[in-house]
Amino acid sequence: MKARDFEKEFEEKYNSYGSMLYKIAFLYLNSASDAEDVLQEVFSKYLLTRKDFNNKEHEKAWFIRITQNYCLDVLRKHERKNLDIDDLPVMTQPDNDTQQDVERSIIALPPKYKMVIFLHYYSGYSVEEISAILKIGKSAVKKRLQRGREMLKLRLEDYEI
């Protein structure tokens, strides 16, 4: 493959997945700089492995899974302090305070719950797709979604959501 073709392919992958993978890493790590580091590691791994994918969904699932694995590595290496929910950054530029509170509440969830919440509600994945991406059973995905929603409901009880 010519260098120009390779650069174009890499740029296409980065443009397709970079924003979503950054948000996933940010959800796990609560740190913009750590999320950027993970994103760099993920795309470095892609460049080094040059993996062949069965289809676009397989490719996307691979990127998400590798991102999750790198995030877990970072969390294992650095003990994270429990931050006050008001000190947590937000994932997007929220339209209002309610949206900002919801995003902060999602970020404050334990990783296994915030990942399924993000994939389902922000990325639009079905339970079956999340099950395949995270390599857990469908019932585990459903239970994590249920428990994540319950935790969010408790955190956001002042709102009529």
N, C-alpha and C. Protein backbone atom coordinates (compact mmCIF):
# COMPACT_ATOMS: atom_id res chain seq x y z
N MET A 1 0.85 -1.18 0.00
CA MET A 1 0.00 0.00 0.00
C MET A 1 0.89 1.24 0.00
N LYS A 2 0.56 2.18 -0.84
CA LYS A 2 1.33 3.41 -0.93
C LYS A 2 1.12 4.25 0.32
N ALA A 3 2.12 5.07 0.63
CA ALA A 3 2.06 5.91 1.84
C ALA A 3 0.84 6.82 1.80
N ARG A 4 0.54 7.39 0.65
CA ARG A 4 -0.60 8.30 0.55
C ARG A 4 -1.92 7.57 0.82
N ASP A 5 -2.06 6.35 0.28
CA ASP A 5 -3.27 5.55 0.54
C ASP A 5 -3.38 5.19 2.02
N PHE A 6 -2.23 4.85 2.60
CA PHE A 6 -2.20 4.50 4.02
C PHE A 6 -2.62 5.69 4.87
N GLU A 7 -2.10 6.88 4.56
CA GLU A 7 -2.47 8.09 5.31
C GLU A 7 -3.95 8.39 5.16
N LYS A 8 -4.47 8.22 3.96
CA LYS A 8 -5.89 8.48 3.72
C LYS A 8 -6.76 7.50 4.51
N GLU A 9 -6.37 6.22 4.53
CA GLU A 9 -7.11 5.22 5.28
C GLU A 9 -7.09 5.53 6.78
N PHE A 10 -5.91 5.90 7.28
CA PHE A 10 -5.80 6.24 8.70
C PHE A 10 -6.66 7.44 9.03
N GLU A 11 -6.61 8.47 8.21
CA GLU A 11 -7.41 9.67 8.45
C GLU A 11 -8.90 9.34 8.44
N GLU A 12 -9.31 8.46 7.55
CA GLU A 12 -10.71 8.05 7.49
C GLU A 12 -11.14 7.35 8.79
N LYS A 13 -10.29 6.47 9.30
CA LYS A 13 -10.60 5.76 10.55
C LYS A 13 -10.66 6.74 11.71
N TYR A 14 -9.72 7.65 11.76
CA TYR A 14 -9.69 8.62 12.84
C TYR A 14 -10.93 9.51 12.80
N ASN A 15 -11.30 9.96 11.63
CA ASN A 15 -12.49 10.81 11.50
C ASN A 15 -13.76 10.05 11.83
N SER A 16 -13.79 8.75 11.53
CA SER A 16 -14.97 7.94 11.80
C SER A 16 -15.15 7.64 13.28
N TYR A 17 -14.04 7.35 13.97
CA TYR A 17 -14.14 6.82 15.33
C TYR A 17 -13.54 7.71 16.42
N GLY A 18 -12.72 8.67 16.06
CA GLY A 18 -11.99 9.45 17.05
C GLY A 18 -12.86 10.11 18.10
N SER A 19 -13.90 10.78 17.68
CA SER A 19 -14.76 11.51 18.62
C SER A 19 -15.47 10.55 19.58
N MET A 20 -16.01 9.47 19.06
CA MET A 20 -16.72 8.50 19.90
C MET A 20 -15.76 7.84 20.89
N LEU A 21 -14.57 7.46 20.42
CA LEU A 21 -13.60 6.80 21.29
C LEU A 21 -13.10 7.75 22.37
N TYR A 22 -12.94 9.01 22.02
CA TYR A 22 -12.53 10.01 23.02
C TYR A 22 -13.58 10.10 24.12
N LYS A 23 -14.86 10.13 23.74
CA LYS A 23 -15.94 10.23 24.73
C LYS A 23 -15.96 9.00 25.63
N ILE A 24 -15.73 7.83 25.06
CA ILE A 24 -15.68 6.61 25.87
C ILE A 24 -14.53 6.69 26.87
N ALA A 25 -13.35 7.08 26.38
CA ALA A 25 -12.19 7.19 27.27
C ALA A 25 -12.42 8.24 28.35
N PHE A 26 -13.04 9.34 27.97
CA PHE A 26 -13.34 10.40 28.93
C PHE A 26 -14.30 9.90 30.00
N LEU A 27 -15.30 9.11 29.58
CA LEU A 27 -16.24 8.54 30.54
C LEU A 27 -15.53 7.68 31.57
N TYR A 28 -14.61 6.88 31.11
CA TYR A 28 -13.89 6.00 32.02
C TYR A 28 -12.94 6.76 32.94
N LEU A 29 -12.23 7.73 32.39
CA LEU A 29 -11.09 8.30 33.09
C LEU A 29 -11.34 9.66 33.72
N ASN A 30 -12.40 10.33 33.32
CA ASN A 30 -12.72 11.66 33.86
C ASN A 30 -11.57 12.65 33.69
N SER A 31 -10.81 12.48 32.64
CA SER A 31 -9.65 13.34 32.40
C SER A 31 -9.45 13.50 30.90
N ALA A 32 -9.43 14.75 30.45
CA ALA A 32 -9.23 15.01 29.03
C ALA A 32 -7.86 14.55 28.56
N SER A 33 -6.83 14.81 29.35
CA SER A 33 -5.48 14.43 28.92
C SER A 33 -5.30 12.91 28.89
N ASP A 34 -5.87 12.20 29.87
CA ASP A 34 -5.80 10.74 29.86
C ASP A 34 -6.60 10.17 28.69
N ALA A 35 -7.74 10.78 28.38
CA ALA A 35 -8.55 10.33 27.25
C ALA A 35 -7.79 10.51 25.94
N GLU A 36 -7.10 11.62 25.81
CA GLU A 36 -6.29 11.86 24.61
C GLU A 36 -5.15 10.85 24.50
N ASP A 37 -4.53 10.53 25.63
CA ASP A 37 -3.46 9.52 25.64
C ASP A 37 -3.99 8.16 25.19
N VAL A 38 -5.16 7.78 25.70
CA VAL A 38 -5.76 6.51 25.32
C VAL A 38 -6.07 6.49 23.83
N LEU A 39 -6.61 7.58 23.32
CA LEU A 39 -6.93 7.68 21.90
C LEU A 39 -5.66 7.48 21.06
N GLN A 40 -4.58 8.08 21.50
CA GLN A 40 -3.30 7.93 20.79
C GLN A 40 -2.86 6.47 20.83
N GLU A 41 -3.00 5.81 21.97
CA GLU A 41 -2.61 4.40 22.09
C GLU A 41 -3.46 3.51 21.19
N VAL A 42 -4.76 3.78 21.15
CA VAL A 42 -5.66 2.98 20.33
C VAL A 42 -5.27 3.06 18.86
N PHE A 43 -5.05 4.27 18.38
CA PHE A 43 -4.72 4.42 16.97
C PHE A 43 -3.30 3.95 16.66
N SER A 44 -2.41 4.02 17.64
CA SER A 44 -1.07 3.44 17.46
C SER A 44 -1.18 1.92 17.31
N LYS A 45 -2.01 1.32 18.14
CA LYS A 45 -2.22 -0.14 18.04
C LYS A 45 -2.81 -0.49 16.68
N TYR A 46 -3.75 0.31 16.22
CA TYR A 46 -4.33 0.07 14.90
C TYR A 46 -3.25 0.12 13.82
N LEU A 47 -2.39 1.13 13.90
CA LEU A 47 -1.33 1.26 12.90
C LEU A 47 -0.36 0.09 12.94
N LEU A 48 -0.05 -0.39 14.13
CA LEU A 48 0.92 -1.47 14.28
C LEU A 48 0.35 -2.83 13.89
N THR A 49 -0.91 -3.06 14.16
CA THR A 49 -1.49 -4.38 13.91
C THR A 49 -2.06 -4.52 12.51
N ARG A 50 -2.55 -3.41 11.95
CA ARG A 50 -3.14 -3.43 10.61
C ARG A 50 -4.13 -4.59 10.49
N LYS A 51 -5.01 -4.68 11.44
CA LYS A 51 -5.99 -5.76 11.55
C LYS A 51 -6.97 -5.75 10.39
N ASP A 52 -7.31 -6.95 9.91
CA ASP A 52 -8.36 -7.09 8.89
C ASP A 52 -9.69 -7.31 9.61
N PHE A 53 -10.71 -6.60 9.18
CA PHE A 53 -12.01 -6.67 9.81
C PHE A 53 -13.01 -7.34 8.87
N ASN A 54 -13.97 -8.04 9.45
CA ASN A 54 -15.01 -8.71 8.65
C ASN A 54 -15.94 -7.70 7.99
N ASN A 55 -16.26 -6.63 8.72
CA ASN A 55 -17.16 -5.60 8.22
C ASN A 55 -17.00 -4.35 9.09
N LYS A 56 -17.77 -3.31 8.79
CA LYS A 56 -17.67 -2.04 9.54
C LYS A 56 -18.03 -2.20 11.01
N GLU A 57 -19.05 -3.02 11.29
CA GLU A 57 -19.45 -3.21 12.69
C GLU A 57 -18.37 -3.93 13.48
N HIS A 58 -17.72 -4.89 12.88
CA HIS A 58 -16.61 -5.60 13.52
C HIS A 58 -15.47 -4.62 13.80
N GLU A 59 -15.20 -3.77 12.83
CA GLU A 59 -14.15 -2.76 12.98
C GLU A 59 -14.48 -1.80 14.13
N LYS A 60 -15.71 -1.30 14.16
CA LYS A 60 -16.14 -0.36 15.19
C LYS A 60 -16.09 -1.02 16.57
N ALA A 61 -16.54 -2.25 16.65
CA ALA A 61 -16.51 -2.99 17.92
C ALA A 61 -15.06 -3.18 18.39
N TRP A 62 -14.15 -3.46 17.45
CA TRP A 62 -12.74 -3.61 17.81
C TRP A 62 -12.20 -2.32 18.42
N PHE A 63 -12.46 -1.19 17.78
CA PHE A 63 -11.98 0.09 18.30
C PHE A 63 -12.54 0.37 19.69
N ILE A 64 -13.83 0.10 19.89
CA ILE A 64 -14.44 0.34 21.21
C ILE A 64 -13.82 -0.57 22.25
N ARG A 65 -13.64 -1.83 21.92
CA ARG A 65 -13.08 -2.80 22.88
C ARG A 65 -11.65 -2.44 23.25
N ILE A 66 -10.84 -2.06 22.27
CA ILE A 66 -9.45 -1.68 22.54
C ILE A 66 -9.41 -0.43 23.41
N THR A 67 -10.29 0.51 23.13
CA THR A 67 -10.37 1.73 23.95
C THR A 67 -10.71 1.38 25.39
N GLN A 68 -11.69 0.53 25.57
CA GLN A 68 -12.08 0.11 26.92
C GLN A 68 -10.91 -0.57 27.62
N ASN A 69 -10.20 -1.44 26.94
CA ASN A 69 -9.06 -2.15 27.54
C ASN A 69 -7.97 -1.18 27.97
N TYR A 70 -7.64 -0.21 27.12
CA TYR A 70 -6.62 0.78 27.49
C TYR A 70 -7.07 1.61 28.69
N CYS A 71 -8.34 1.95 28.73
CA CYS A 71 -8.87 2.72 29.87
C CYS A 71 -8.74 1.92 31.16
N LEU A 72 -9.08 0.65 31.10
CA LEU A 72 -8.95 -0.19 32.29
C LEU A 72 -7.49 -0.31 32.73
N ASP A 73 -6.58 -0.36 31.77
CA ASP A 73 -5.15 -0.38 32.11
C ASP A 73 -4.74 0.90 32.84
N VAL A 74 -5.22 2.03 32.33
CA VAL A 74 -4.89 3.32 32.97
C VAL A 74 -5.46 3.35 34.39
N LEU A 75 -6.68 2.89 34.55
CA LEU A 75 -7.30 2.89 35.88
C LEU A 75 -6.56 1.97 36.83
N ARG A 76 -6.06 0.86 36.34
CA ARG A 76 -5.29 -0.05 37.19
C ARG A 76 -3.96 0.58 37.60
N LYS A 77 -3.36 1.34 36.71
CA LYS A 77 -2.06 1.94 36.99
C LYS A 77 -2.16 3.14 37.93
N HIS A 78 -3.23 3.87 37.79
CA HIS A 78 -3.41 5.09 38.59
C HIS A 78 -4.68 4.97 39.41
N GLU A 79 -4.55 4.92 40.69
CA GLU A 79 -5.77 4.92 41.50
C GLU A 79 -6.43 6.27 41.35
N ARG A 80 -7.69 6.22 41.01
CA ARG A 80 -8.45 7.46 40.83
C ARG A 80 -9.07 7.86 42.16
N LYS A 81 -9.03 9.14 42.43
CA LYS A 81 -9.70 9.66 43.61
C LYS A 81 -11.18 9.81 43.30
N ASN A 82 -12.02 9.64 44.28
CA ASN A 82 -13.44 9.90 44.10
C ASN A 82 -13.63 11.40 44.11
N LEU A 83 -14.04 11.92 42.97
CA LEU A 83 -14.23 13.35 42.83
C LEU A 83 -15.64 13.74 43.23
N ASP A 84 -15.77 14.95 43.73
CA ASP A 84 -17.09 15.50 43.97
C ASP A 84 -17.77 15.66 42.61
N ILE A 85 -19.02 15.30 42.53
CA ILE A 85 -19.72 15.33 41.25
C ILE A 85 -19.71 16.72 40.61
N ASP A 86 -19.67 17.77 41.41
CA ASP A 86 -19.64 19.13 40.85
C ASP A 86 -18.29 19.47 40.23
N ASP A 87 -17.24 18.73 40.59
CA ASP A 87 -15.92 18.97 40.04
C ASP A 87 -15.66 18.21 38.75
N LEU A 88 -16.57 17.32 38.38
CA LEU A 88 -16.38 16.52 37.18
C LEU A 88 -16.65 17.36 35.94
N PRO A 89 -15.85 17.16 34.90
CA PRO A 89 -16.11 17.86 33.64
C PRO A 89 -17.29 17.21 32.93
N VAL A 90 -17.74 17.80 31.83
CA VAL A 90 -18.84 17.25 31.06
C VAL A 90 -18.32 16.76 29.71
N MET A 91 -19.08 15.86 29.05
CA MET A 91 -18.65 15.25 27.79
C MET A 91 -18.86 16.17 26.59
N THR A 92 -19.91 16.95 26.62
CA THR A 92 -20.27 17.78 25.47
C THR A 92 -20.48 19.21 25.95
N GLN A 93 -20.82 20.06 25.03
CA GLN A 93 -21.21 21.42 25.40
C GLN A 93 -22.71 21.37 25.69
N PRO A 94 -23.10 21.26 26.95
CA PRO A 94 -24.52 21.09 27.26
C PRO A 94 -25.34 22.32 26.93
N ASP A 95 -26.59 22.06 26.55
CA ASP A 95 -27.51 23.15 26.22
C ASP A 95 -28.04 23.82 27.48
N ASN A 96 -28.06 23.08 28.58
CA ASN A 96 -28.62 23.65 29.80
C ASN A 96 -28.03 22.95 31.02
N ASP A 97 -28.38 23.45 32.19
CA ASP A 97 -27.85 22.90 33.44
C ASP A 97 -28.31 21.47 33.66
N THR A 98 -29.53 21.15 33.26
CA THR A 98 -30.04 19.79 33.44
C THR A 98 -29.19 18.80 32.66
N GLN A 99 -28.92 19.11 31.41
CA GLN A 99 -28.09 18.22 30.59
C GLN A 99 -26.70 18.08 31.20
N GLN A 100 -26.16 19.18 31.69
CA GLN A 100 -24.84 19.14 32.32
C GLN A 100 -24.86 18.25 33.56
N ASP A 101 -25.91 18.35 34.37
CA ASP A 101 -26.04 17.50 35.56
C ASP A 101 -26.19 16.03 35.18
N VAL A 102 -26.94 15.75 34.13
CA VAL A 102 -27.11 14.37 33.68
C VAL A 102 -25.76 13.80 33.25
N GLU A 103 -25.00 14.55 32.44
CA GLU A 103 -23.71 14.07 31.97
C GLU A 103 -22.73 13.87 33.12
N ARG A 104 -22.73 14.78 34.06
CA ARG A 104 -21.85 14.60 35.22
C ARG A 104 -22.25 13.37 36.03
N SER A 105 -23.54 13.13 36.12
CA SER A 105 -24.02 11.95 36.85
C SER A 105 -23.61 10.67 36.14
N ILE A 106 -23.66 10.67 34.81
CA ILE A 106 -23.23 9.50 34.05
C ILE A 106 -21.73 9.27 34.25
N ILE A 107 -20.95 10.32 34.20
CA ILE A 107 -19.50 10.21 34.39
C ILE A 107 -19.17 9.66 35.77
N ALA A 108 -19.99 9.98 36.75
CA ALA A 108 -19.73 9.55 38.13
C ALA A 108 -20.12 8.09 38.38
N LEU A 109 -20.82 7.47 37.44
CA LEU A 109 -21.21 6.06 37.61
C LEU A 109 -19.98 5.15 37.59
N PRO A 110 -20.07 3.98 38.21
CA PRO A 110 -18.99 3.00 38.06
C PRO A 110 -18.81 2.64 36.58
N PRO A 111 -17.58 2.34 36.15
CA PRO A 111 -17.29 2.12 34.72
C PRO A 111 -18.21 1.12 34.02
N LYS A 112 -18.55 0.01 34.65
CA LYS A 112 -19.36 -0.98 33.94
C LYS A 112 -20.77 -0.47 33.64
N TYR A 113 -21.26 0.47 34.44
CA TYR A 113 -22.59 1.03 34.17
C TYR A 113 -22.52 2.18 33.19
N LYS A 114 -21.53 3.04 33.33
CA LYS A 114 -21.47 4.18 32.42
C LYS A 114 -21.16 3.75 30.99
N MET A 115 -20.43 2.65 30.82
CA MET A 115 -20.12 2.18 29.48
C MET A 115 -21.39 1.73 28.75
N VAL A 116 -22.22 0.93 29.40
CA VAL A 116 -23.45 0.47 28.73
C VAL A 116 -24.43 1.63 28.53
N ILE A 117 -24.50 2.54 29.48
CA ILE A 117 -25.37 3.73 29.33
C ILE A 117 -24.91 4.55 28.12
N PHE A 118 -23.60 4.78 28.02
CA PHE A 118 -23.07 5.56 26.89
C PHE A 118 -23.35 4.84 25.57
N LEU A 119 -23.00 3.57 25.48
CA LEU A 119 -23.17 2.84 24.22
C LEU A 119 -24.64 2.78 23.80
N HIS A 120 -25.53 2.62 24.77
CA HIS A 120 -26.96 2.49 24.44
C HIS A 120 -27.60 3.83 24.12
N TYR A 121 -27.42 4.81 25.00
CA TYR A 121 -28.15 6.07 24.86
C TYR A 121 -27.43 7.12 24.02
N TYR A 122 -26.11 7.13 24.04
CA TYR A 122 -25.38 8.14 23.27
C TYR A 122 -24.94 7.63 21.90
N SER A 123 -24.63 6.32 21.80
CA SER A 123 -24.18 5.77 20.52
C SER A 123 -25.24 4.96 19.80
N GLY A 124 -26.35 4.68 20.48
CA GLY A 124 -27.47 4.02 19.82
C GLY A 124 -27.33 2.52 19.60
N TYR A 125 -26.46 1.86 20.35
CA TYR A 125 -26.30 0.42 20.20
C TYR A 125 -27.43 -0.32 20.89
N SER A 126 -27.79 -1.46 20.32
CA SER A 126 -28.81 -2.32 20.93
C SER A 126 -28.15 -3.16 22.02
N VAL A 127 -28.97 -3.83 22.81
CA VAL A 127 -28.47 -4.71 23.87
C VAL A 127 -27.59 -5.80 23.26
N GLU A 128 -28.03 -6.37 22.15
CA GLU A 128 -27.28 -7.44 21.49
C GLU A 128 -25.92 -6.93 21.02
N GLU A 129 -25.88 -5.74 20.44
CA GLU A 129 -24.62 -5.18 19.96
C GLU A 129 -23.67 -4.88 21.12
N ILE A 130 -24.19 -4.33 22.21
CA ILE A 130 -23.36 -4.05 23.39
C ILE A 130 -22.82 -5.35 23.95
N SER A 131 -23.64 -6.37 23.98
CA SER A 131 -23.22 -7.68 24.46
C SER A 131 -22.03 -8.19 23.66
N ALA A 132 -22.08 -8.04 22.35
CA ALA A 132 -20.99 -8.50 21.49
C ALA A 132 -19.74 -7.64 21.68
N ILE A 133 -19.91 -6.34 21.79
CA ILE A 133 -18.77 -5.43 21.93
C ILE A 133 -18.04 -5.66 23.25
N LEU A 134 -18.80 -5.75 24.33
CA LEU A 134 -18.19 -5.89 25.66
C LEU A 134 -17.91 -7.34 26.05
N LYS A 135 -18.38 -8.25 25.21
CA LYS A 135 -18.19 -9.69 25.46
C LYS A 135 -18.77 -10.11 26.80
N ILE A 136 -20.01 -9.67 27.01
CA ILE A 136 -20.78 -10.09 28.19
C ILE A 136 -22.15 -10.52 27.69
N GLY A 137 -22.89 -11.24 28.51
CA GLY A 137 -24.21 -11.71 28.12
C GLY A 137 -25.23 -10.60 27.98
N LYS A 138 -26.27 -10.87 27.19
CA LYS A 138 -27.35 -9.89 27.01
C LYS A 138 -28.03 -9.57 28.33
N SER A 139 -28.20 -10.59 29.18
CA SER A 139 -28.84 -10.34 30.47
C SER A 139 -27.97 -9.43 31.34
N ALA A 140 -26.65 -9.56 31.23
CA ALA A 140 -25.75 -8.68 31.98
C ALA A 140 -25.87 -7.24 31.48
N VAL A 141 -25.99 -7.07 30.17
CA VAL A 141 -26.17 -5.73 29.61
C VAL A 141 -27.47 -5.12 30.12
N LYS A 142 -28.54 -5.91 30.06
CA LYS A 142 -29.85 -5.41 30.53
C LYS A 142 -29.80 -5.04 32.01
N LYS A 143 -29.14 -5.86 32.80
CA LYS A 143 -29.05 -5.60 34.24
C LYS A 143 -28.22 -4.34 34.50
N ARG A 144 -27.12 -4.17 33.76
CA ARG A 144 -26.29 -2.98 33.93
C ARG A 144 -27.04 -1.73 33.51
N LEU A 145 -27.81 -1.83 32.44
CA LEU A 145 -28.63 -0.68 32.03
C LEU A 145 -29.65 -0.34 33.11
N GLN A 146 -30.29 -1.36 33.65
CA GLN A 146 -31.29 -1.15 34.69
C GLN A 146 -30.65 -0.51 35.92
N ARG A 147 -29.54 -1.07 36.39
CA ARG A 147 -28.88 -0.53 37.58
C ARG A 147 -28.32 0.86 37.33
N GLY A 148 -27.77 1.08 36.15
CA GLY A 148 -27.27 2.40 35.81
C GLY A 148 -28.37 3.44 35.82
N ARG A 149 -29.52 3.10 35.25
CA ARG A 149 -30.67 4.02 35.26
C ARG A 149 -31.15 4.28 36.68
N GLU A 150 -31.15 3.24 37.51
CA GLU A 150 -31.56 3.42 38.91
C GLU A 150 -30.60 4.37 39.64
N MET A 151 -29.31 4.21 39.42
CA MET A 151 -28.33 5.10 40.05
C MET A 151 -28.52 6.53 39.57
N LEU A 152 -28.75 6.68 38.27
CA LEU A 152 -28.98 8.02 37.72
C LEU A 152 -30.25 8.64 38.29
N LYS A 153 -31.27 7.82 38.43
CA LYS A 153 -32.54 8.32 38.99
C LYS A 153 -32.33 8.85 40.41
N LEU A 154 -31.54 8.13 41.20
CA LEU A 154 -31.26 8.58 42.57
C LEU A 154 -30.44 9.89 42.57
N ARG A 155 -29.47 9.97 41.69
CA ARG A 155 -28.63 11.17 41.62
C ARG A 155 -29.40 12.38 41.12
N LEU A 156 -30.39 12.12 40.29
CA LEU A 156 -31.11 13.21 39.62
C LEU A 156 -32.55 13.33 40.12
N GLU A 157 -32.81 12.90 41.34
CA GLU A 157 -34.17 12.88 41.85
C GLU A 157 -34.82 14.28 41.94
N ASP A 158 -34.00 15.34 41.96
CA ASP A 158 -34.56 16.68 42.02
C ASP A 158 -35.18 17.12 40.70
N TYR A 159 -34.83 16.42 39.61
CA TYR A 159 -35.34 16.76 38.30
C TYR A 159 -36.53 15.87 37.97
N GLU A 160 -37.40 16.40 37.16
CA GLU A 160 -38.53 15.59 36.67
C GLU A 160 -38.17 15.07 35.30
N ILE A 161 -37.30 14.06 35.29
CA ILE A 161 -36.80 13.50 34.03
C ILE A 161 -37.55 12.23 33.71
